[in-house]
């Protein structure tokens, strides 16, 4: 049962991260297309956003491994 729960948690985290990264990067590209002079500033903010989005799947994978060990 733990393996199934871990798989569901990992799948949900991967899907959520993919959607989140797509939204963040898409918004950055749109902003850069509208105001190219802000490209550097938007890029830095994008990397911060992607890092925050990726934190959740990493935490989810750790919890999935903990669930599998019990």
PDB file of N, CA and C in Angstrom:
ATOM      1  N   UNK A   1       0.812  -1.187   0.000  1.00  0.00           N
ATOM      2  CA  UNK A   1       0.000   0.000   0.000  1.00  0.00           C
ATOM      3  C   UNK A   1       0.863   1.262   0.000  1.00  0.00           C
ATOM      4  N   UNK A   2       1.987   1.204   0.697  1.00  0.00           N
ATOM      5  CA  UNK A   2       2.882   2.361   0.764  1.00  0.00           C
ATOM      6  C   UNK A   2       3.469   2.702  -0.598  1.00  0.00           C
ATOM      7  N   UNK A   3       3.750   1.660  -1.395  1.00  0.00           N
ATOM      8  CA  UNK A   3       4.319   1.903  -2.717  1.00  0.00           C
ATOM      9  C   UNK A   3       3.314   2.604  -3.627  1.00  0.00           C
ATOM     10  N   UNK A   4       2.059   2.239  -3.508  1.00  0.00           N
ATOM     11  CA  UNK A   4       1.022   2.893  -4.323  1.00  0.00           C
ATOM     12  C   UNK A   4       0.881   4.363  -3.913  1.00  0.00           C
ATOM     13  N   UNK A   5       0.875   4.608  -2.603  1.00  0.00           N
ATOM     14  CA  UNK A   5       0.770   5.988  -2.121  1.00  0.00           C
ATOM     15  C   UNK A   5       1.973   6.807  -2.561  1.00  0.00           C
ATOM     16  N   UNK A   6       3.160   6.210  -2.517  1.00  0.00           N
ATOM     17  CA  UNK A   6       4.366   6.915  -2.947  1.00  0.00           C
ATOM     18  C   UNK A   6       4.312   7.228  -4.441  1.00  0.00           C
ATOM     19  N   UNK A   7       3.819   6.299  -5.222  1.00  0.00           N
ATOM     20  CA  UNK A   7       3.699   6.530  -6.659  1.00  0.00           C
ATOM     21  C   UNK A   7       2.719   7.636  -6.995  1.00  0.00           C
ATOM     22  N   UNK A   8       1.600   7.649  -6.295  1.00  0.00           N
ATOM     23  CA  UNK A   8       0.604   8.700  -6.520  1.00  0.00           C
ATOM     24  C   UNK A   8       1.162  10.059  -6.115  1.00  0.00           C
ATOM     25  N   UNK A   9       1.882  10.102  -4.992  1.00  0.00           N
ATOM     26  CA  UNK A   9       2.470  11.370  -4.542  1.00  0.00           C
ATOM     27  C   UNK A   9       3.514  11.865  -5.535  1.00  0.00           C
ATOM     28  N   UNK A  10       4.347  10.961  -6.034  1.00  0.00           N
ATOM     29  CA  UNK A  10       5.382  11.348  -6.995  1.00  0.00           C
ATOM     30  C   UNK A  10       4.758  11.819  -8.309  1.00  0.00           C
ATOM     31  N   UNK A  11       3.721  11.130  -8.759  1.00  0.00           N
ATOM     32  CA  UNK A  11       3.061  11.529 -10.010  1.00  0.00           C
ATOM     33  C   UNK A  11       2.397  12.891  -9.871  1.00  0.00           C
ATOM     34  N   UNK A  12       1.715  13.103  -8.763  1.00  0.00           N
ATOM     35  CA  UNK A  12       1.074  14.400  -8.535  1.00  0.00           C
ATOM     36  C   UNK A  12       2.084  15.532  -8.459  1.00  0.00           C
ATOM     37  N   UNK A  13       3.213  15.268  -7.812  1.00  0.00           N
ATOM     38  CA  UNK A  13       4.256  16.289  -7.706  1.00  0.00           C
ATOM     39  C   UNK A  13       4.844  16.614  -9.070  1.00  0.00           C
ATOM     40  N   UNK A  14       5.073  15.600  -9.886  1.00  0.00           N
ATOM     41  CA  UNK A  14       5.645  15.835 -11.210  1.00  0.00           C
ATOM     42  C   UNK A  14       4.681  16.620 -12.105  1.00  0.00           C
ATOM     43  N   UNK A  15       3.422  16.269 -12.051  1.00  0.00           N
ATOM     44  CA  UNK A  15       2.430  16.982 -12.862  1.00  0.00           C
ATOM     45  C   UNK A  15       2.293  18.431 -12.393  1.00  0.00           C
ATOM     46  N   UNK A  16       2.218  18.624 -11.091  1.00  0.00           N
ATOM     47  CA  UNK A  16       2.103  19.974 -10.553  1.00  0.00           C
ATOM     48  C   UNK A  16       3.304  20.844 -10.875  1.00  0.00           C
ATOM     49  N   UNK A  17       4.500  20.261 -10.781  1.00  0.00           N
ATOM     50  CA  UNK A  17       5.710  21.018 -11.105  1.00  0.00           C
ATOM     51  C   UNK A  17       5.755  21.374 -12.588  1.00  0.00           C
ATOM     52  N   UNK A  18       5.333  20.452 -13.426  1.00  0.00           N
ATOM     53  CA  UNK A  18       5.311  20.736 -14.860  1.00  0.00           C
ATOM     54  C   UNK A  18       4.373  21.884 -15.203  1.00  0.00           C
ATOM     55  N   UNK A  19       3.200  21.874 -14.615  1.00  0.00           N
ATOM     56  CA  UNK A  19       2.242  22.953 -14.857  1.00  0.00           C
ATOM     57  C   UNK A  19       2.771  24.272 -14.293  1.00  0.00           C
ATOM     58  N   UNK A  20       3.287  24.223 -13.079  1.00  0.00           N
ATOM     59  CA  UNK A  20       3.813  25.438 -12.453  1.00  0.00           C
ATOM     60  C   UNK A  20       4.965  26.044 -13.227  1.00  0.00           C
ATOM     61  N   UNK A  21       5.896  25.202 -13.662  1.00  0.00           N
ATOM     62  CA  UNK A  21       7.026  25.708 -14.446  1.00  0.00           C
ATOM     63  C   UNK A  21       6.563  26.282 -15.778  1.00  0.00           C
ATOM     64  N   UNK A  22       5.579  25.652 -16.385  1.00  0.00           N
ATOM     65  CA  UNK A  22       5.048  26.174 -17.639  1.00  0.00           C
ATOM     66  C   UNK A  22       4.428  27.549 -17.482  1.00  0.00           C
ATOM     67  N   UNK A  23       3.704  27.740 -16.404  1.00  0.00           N
ATOM     68  CA  UNK A  23       3.074  29.044 -16.153  1.00  0.00           C
ATOM     69  C   UNK A  23       4.134  30.110 -15.892  1.00  0.00           C
ATOM     70  N   UNK A  24       5.112  29.779 -15.051  1.00  0.00           N
ATOM     71  CA  UNK A  24       6.158  30.758 -14.705  1.00  0.00           C
ATOM     72  C   UNK A  24       6.973  31.137 -15.939  1.00  0.00           C
ATOM     73  N   UNK A  25       7.425  30.159 -16.680  1.00  0.00           N
ATOM     74  CA  UNK A  25       8.277  30.432 -17.839  1.00  0.00           C
ATOM     75  C   UNK A  25       7.476  31.113 -18.944  1.00  0.00           C
ATOM     76  N   UNK A  26       6.226  30.695 -19.140  1.00  0.00           N
ATOM     77  CA  UNK A  26       5.380  31.342 -20.144  1.00  0.00           C
ATOM     78  C   UNK A  26       5.134  32.810 -19.834  1.00  0.00           C
ATOM     79  N   UNK A  27       4.906  33.097 -18.570  1.00  0.00           N
ATOM     80  CA  UNK A  27       4.694  34.493 -18.175  1.00  0.00           C
ATOM     81  C   UNK A  27       5.965  35.320 -18.366  1.00  0.00           C
ATOM     82  N   UNK A  28       7.114  34.707 -18.096  1.00  0.00           N
ATOM     83  CA  UNK A  28       8.381  35.417 -18.290  1.00  0.00           C
ATOM     84  C   UNK A  28       8.615  35.716 -19.766  1.00  0.00           C
ATOM     85  N   UNK A  29       8.340  34.772 -20.616  1.00  0.00           N
ATOM     86  CA  UNK A  29       8.506  34.992 -22.056  1.00  0.00           C
ATOM     87  C   UNK A  29       7.554  36.074 -22.542  1.00  0.00           C
ATOM     88  N   UNK A  30       6.327  36.041 -22.049  1.00  0.00           N
ATOM     89  CA  UNK A  30       5.347  37.066 -22.444  1.00  0.00           C
ATOM     90  C   UNK A  30       5.797  38.455 -21.980  1.00  0.00           C
ATOM     91  N   UNK A  31       6.286  38.542 -20.754  1.00  0.00           N
ATOM     92  CA  UNK A  31       6.764  39.827 -20.245  1.00  0.00           C
ATOM     93  C   UNK A  31       7.972  40.343 -21.000  1.00  0.00           C
ATOM     94  N   UNK A  32       8.881  39.442 -21.359  1.00  0.00           N
ATOM     95  CA  UNK A  32      10.063  39.830 -22.119  1.00  0.00           C
ATOM     96  C   UNK A  32       9.677  40.278 -23.536  1.00  0.00           C
ATOM     97  N   UNK A  33       8.673  39.631 -24.108  1.00  0.00           N
ATOM     98  CA  UNK A  33       8.224  40.024 -25.441  1.00  0.00           C
ATOM     99  C   UNK A  33       7.585  41.420 -25.416  1.00  0.00           C
ATOM    100  N   UNK A  34       6.905  41.747 -24.325  1.00  0.00           N
ATOM    101  CA  UNK A  34       6.266  43.058 -24.230  1.00  0.00           C
ATOM    102  C   UNK A  34       7.263  44.168 -23.923  1.00  0.00           C
ATOM    103  N   UNK A  35       8.240  43.876 -23.044  1.00  0.00           N
ATOM    104  CA  UNK A  35       9.237  44.878 -22.668  1.00  0.00           C
ATOM    105  C   UNK A  35      10.617  44.219 -22.636  1.00  0.00           C
ATOM    106  N   UNK A  36      11.281  44.175 -23.776  1.00  0.00           N
ATOM    107  CA  UNK A  36      12.579  43.490 -23.856  1.00  0.00           C
ATOM    108  C   UNK A  36      13.647  44.068 -22.931  1.00  0.00           C
ATOM    109  N   UNK A  37      13.541  45.331 -22.577  1.00  0.00           N
ATOM    110  CA  UNK A  37      14.557  45.940 -21.714  1.00  0.00           C
ATOM    111  C   UNK A  37      14.511  45.382 -20.291  1.00  0.00           C
ATOM    112  N   UNK A  38      13.430  44.756 -19.916  1.00  0.00           N
ATOM    113  CA  UNK A  38      13.313  44.158 -18.581  1.00  0.00           C
ATOM    114  C   UNK A  38      13.674  42.665 -18.571  1.00  0.00           C
ATOM    115  N   UNK A  39      14.242  42.177 -19.655  1.00  0.00           N
ATOM    116  CA  UNK A  39      14.549  40.751 -19.779  1.00  0.00           C
ATOM    117  C   UNK A  39      15.423  40.204 -18.664  1.00  0.00           C
ATOM    118  N   UNK A  40      16.468  40.941 -18.303  1.00  0.00           N
ATOM    119  CA  UNK A  40      17.371  40.477 -17.245  1.00  0.00           C
ATOM    120  C   UNK A  40      16.688  40.382 -15.899  1.00  0.00           C
ATOM    121  N   UNK A  41      15.911  41.381 -15.567  1.00  0.00           N
ATOM    122  CA  UNK A  41      15.186  41.391 -14.295  1.00  0.00           C
ATOM    123  C   UNK A  41      14.146  40.274 -14.248  1.00  0.00           C
ATOM    124  N   UNK A  42      13.428  40.102 -15.352  1.00  0.00           N
ATOM    125  CA  UNK A  42      12.416  39.043 -15.411  1.00  0.00           C
ATOM    126  C   UNK A  42      13.059  37.665 -15.339  1.00  0.00           C
ATOM    127  N   UNK A  43      14.219  37.507 -15.933  1.00  0.00           N
ATOM    128  CA  UNK A  43      14.904  36.207 -15.913  1.00  0.00           C
ATOM    129  C   UNK A  43      15.291  35.825 -14.485  1.00  0.00           C
ATOM    130  N   UNK A  44      15.800  36.787 -13.731  1.00  0.00           N
ATOM    131  CA  UNK A  44      16.151  36.514 -12.336  1.00  0.00           C
ATOM    132  C   UNK A  44      14.940  36.124 -11.511  1.00  0.00           C
ATOM    133  N   UNK A  45      13.844  36.826 -11.733  1.00  0.00           N
ATOM    134  CA  UNK A  45      12.600  36.499 -11.027  1.00  0.00           C
ATOM    135  C   UNK A  45      12.083  35.134 -11.454  1.00  0.00           C
ATOM    136  N   UNK A  46      12.261  34.804 -12.736  1.00  0.00           N
ATOM    137  CA  UNK A  46      11.817  33.503 -13.222  1.00  0.00           C
ATOM    138  C   UNK A  46      12.585  32.380 -12.530  1.00  0.00           C
ATOM    139  N   UNK A  47      13.902  32.531 -12.391  1.00  0.00           N
ATOM    140  CA  UNK A  47      14.690  31.480 -11.743  1.00  0.00           C
ATOM    141  C   UNK A  47      14.272  31.314 -10.285  1.00  0.00           C
ATOM    142  N   UNK A  48      13.956  32.397  -9.619  1.00  0.00           N
ATOM    143  CA  UNK A  48      13.472  32.311  -8.249  1.00  0.00           C
ATOM    144  C   UNK A  48      12.135  31.569  -8.201  1.00  0.00           C
ATOM    145  N   UNK A  49      11.244  31.907  -9.114  1.00  0.00           N
ATOM    146  CA  UNK A  49       9.942  31.238  -9.166  1.00  0.00           C
ATOM    147  C   UNK A  49      10.053  29.760  -9.481  1.00  0.00           C
ATOM    148  N   UNK A  50      10.917  29.406 -10.431  1.00  0.00           N
ATOM    149  CA  UNK A  50      11.104  27.995 -10.774  1.00  0.00           C
ATOM    150  C   UNK A  50      11.678  27.236  -9.578  1.00  0.00           C
ATOM    151  N   UNK A  51      12.597  27.862  -8.858  1.00  0.00           N
ATOM    152  CA  UNK A  51      13.153  27.216  -7.671  1.00  0.00           C
ATOM    153  C   UNK A  51      12.090  26.960  -6.609  1.00  0.00           C
ATOM    154  N   UNK A  52      11.202  27.924  -6.415  1.00  0.00           N
ATOM    155  CA  UNK A  52      10.127  27.745  -5.442  1.00  0.00           C
ATOM    156  C   UNK A  52       9.130  26.684  -5.898  1.00  0.00           C
ATOM    157  N   UNK A  53       8.854  26.639  -7.201  1.00  0.00           N
ATOM    158  CA  UNK A  53       7.939  25.625  -7.722  1.00  0.00           C
ATOM    159  C   UNK A  53       8.552  24.239  -7.567  1.00  0.00           C
ATOM    160  N   UNK A  54       9.849  24.110  -7.788  1.00  0.00           N
ATOM    161  CA  UNK A  54      10.507  22.810  -7.710  1.00  0.00           C
ATOM    162  C   UNK A  54      10.696  22.320  -6.284  1.00  0.00           C
ATOM    163  N   UNK A  55      10.541  23.190  -5.301  1.00  0.00           N
ATOM    164  CA  UNK A  55      10.704  22.759  -3.910  1.00  0.00           C
ATOM    165  C   UNK A  55       9.613  21.759  -3.517  1.00  0.00           C
ATOM    166  N   UNK A  56       8.416  21.957  -3.993  1.00  0.00           N
ATOM    167  CA  UNK A  56       7.312  21.074  -3.608  1.00  0.00           C
ATOM    168  C   UNK A  56       7.504  19.641  -4.100  1.00  0.00           C
ATOM    169  N   UNK A  57       7.892  19.394  -5.347  1.00  0.00           N
ATOM    170  CA  UNK A  57       8.109  17.999  -5.759  1.00  0.00           C
ATOM    171  C   UNK A  57       9.252  17.330  -4.995  1.00  0.00           C
ATOM    172  N   UNK A  58      10.270  18.100  -4.650  1.00  0.00           N
ATOM    173  CA  UNK A  58      11.381  17.513  -3.896  1.00  0.00           C
ATOM    174  C   UNK A  58      10.886  17.078  -2.521  1.00  0.00           C
ATOM    175  N   UNK A  59      10.113  17.912  -1.865  1.00  0.00           N
ATOM    176  CA  UNK A  59       9.546  17.548  -0.562  1.00  0.00           C
ATOM    177  C   UNK A  59       8.616  16.349  -0.707  1.00  0.00           C
ATOM    178  N   UNK A  60       7.840  16.322  -1.775  1.00  0.00           N
ATOM    179  CA  UNK A  60       6.913  15.217  -1.999  1.00  0.00           C
ATOM    180  C   UNK A  60       7.651  13.896  -2.215  1.00  0.00           C
ATOM    181  N   UNK A  61       8.750  13.929  -2.942  1.00  0.00           N
ATOM    182  CA  UNK A  61       9.528  12.708  -3.169  1.00  0.00           C
ATOM    183  C   UNK A  61      10.124  12.212  -1.859  1.00  0.00           C
ATOM    184  N   UNK A  62      10.614  13.110  -1.034  1.00  0.00           N
ATOM    185  CA  UNK A  62      11.166  12.712   0.262  1.00  0.00           C
ATOM    186  C   UNK A  62      10.086  12.065   1.121  1.00  0.00           C
ATOM    187  N   UNK A  63       8.906  12.649   1.143  1.00  0.00           N
ATOM    188  CA  UNK A  63       7.803  12.070   1.910  1.00  0.00           C
ATOM    189  C   UNK A  63       7.405  10.716   1.325  1.00  0.00           C
ATOM    190  N   UNK A  64       7.416  10.589  -0.008  1.00  0.00           N
ATOM    191  CA  UNK A  64       7.094   9.304  -0.640  1.00  0.00           C
ATOM    192  C   UNK A  64       8.097   8.226  -0.231  1.00  0.00           C
ATOM    193  N   UNK A  65       9.375   8.579  -0.177  1.00  0.00           N
ATOM    194  CA  UNK A  65      10.376   7.596   0.261  1.00  0.00           C
ATOM    195  C   UNK A  65      10.168   7.213   1.720  1.00  0.00           C
ATOM    196  N   UNK A  66       9.779   8.171   2.555  1.00  0.00           N
ATOM    197  CA  UNK A  66       9.516   7.871   3.949  1.00  0.00           C
ATOM    198  C   UNK A  66       8.305   6.946   4.106  1.00  0.00           C
ATOM    199  N   UNK A  67       7.288   7.161   3.288  1.00  0.00           N
ATOM    200  CA  UNK A  67       6.104   6.319   3.336  1.00  0.00           C
ATOM    201  C   UNK A  67       6.443   4.896   2.902  1.00  0.00           C
ATOM    202  N   UNK A  68       7.311   4.765   1.905  1.00  0.00           N
ATOM    203  CA  UNK A  68       7.685   3.426   1.427  1.00  0.00           C
ATOM    204  C   UNK A  68       8.476   2.650   2.465  1.00  0.00           C
ATOM    205  N   UNK A  69       9.233   3.335   3.314  1.00  0.00           N
ATOM    206  CA  UNK A  69      10.051   2.651   4.304  1.00  0.00           C
ATOM    207  C   UNK A  69       9.260   2.181   5.508  1.00  0.00           C
ATOM    208  N   UNK A  70       8.049   2.629   5.664  1.00  0.00           N
ATOM    209  CA  UNK A  70       7.273   2.228   6.855  1.00  0.00           C
ATOM    210  C   UNK A  70       6.408   1.043   6.579  1.00  0.00           C
TER     211      UNK A  70
END
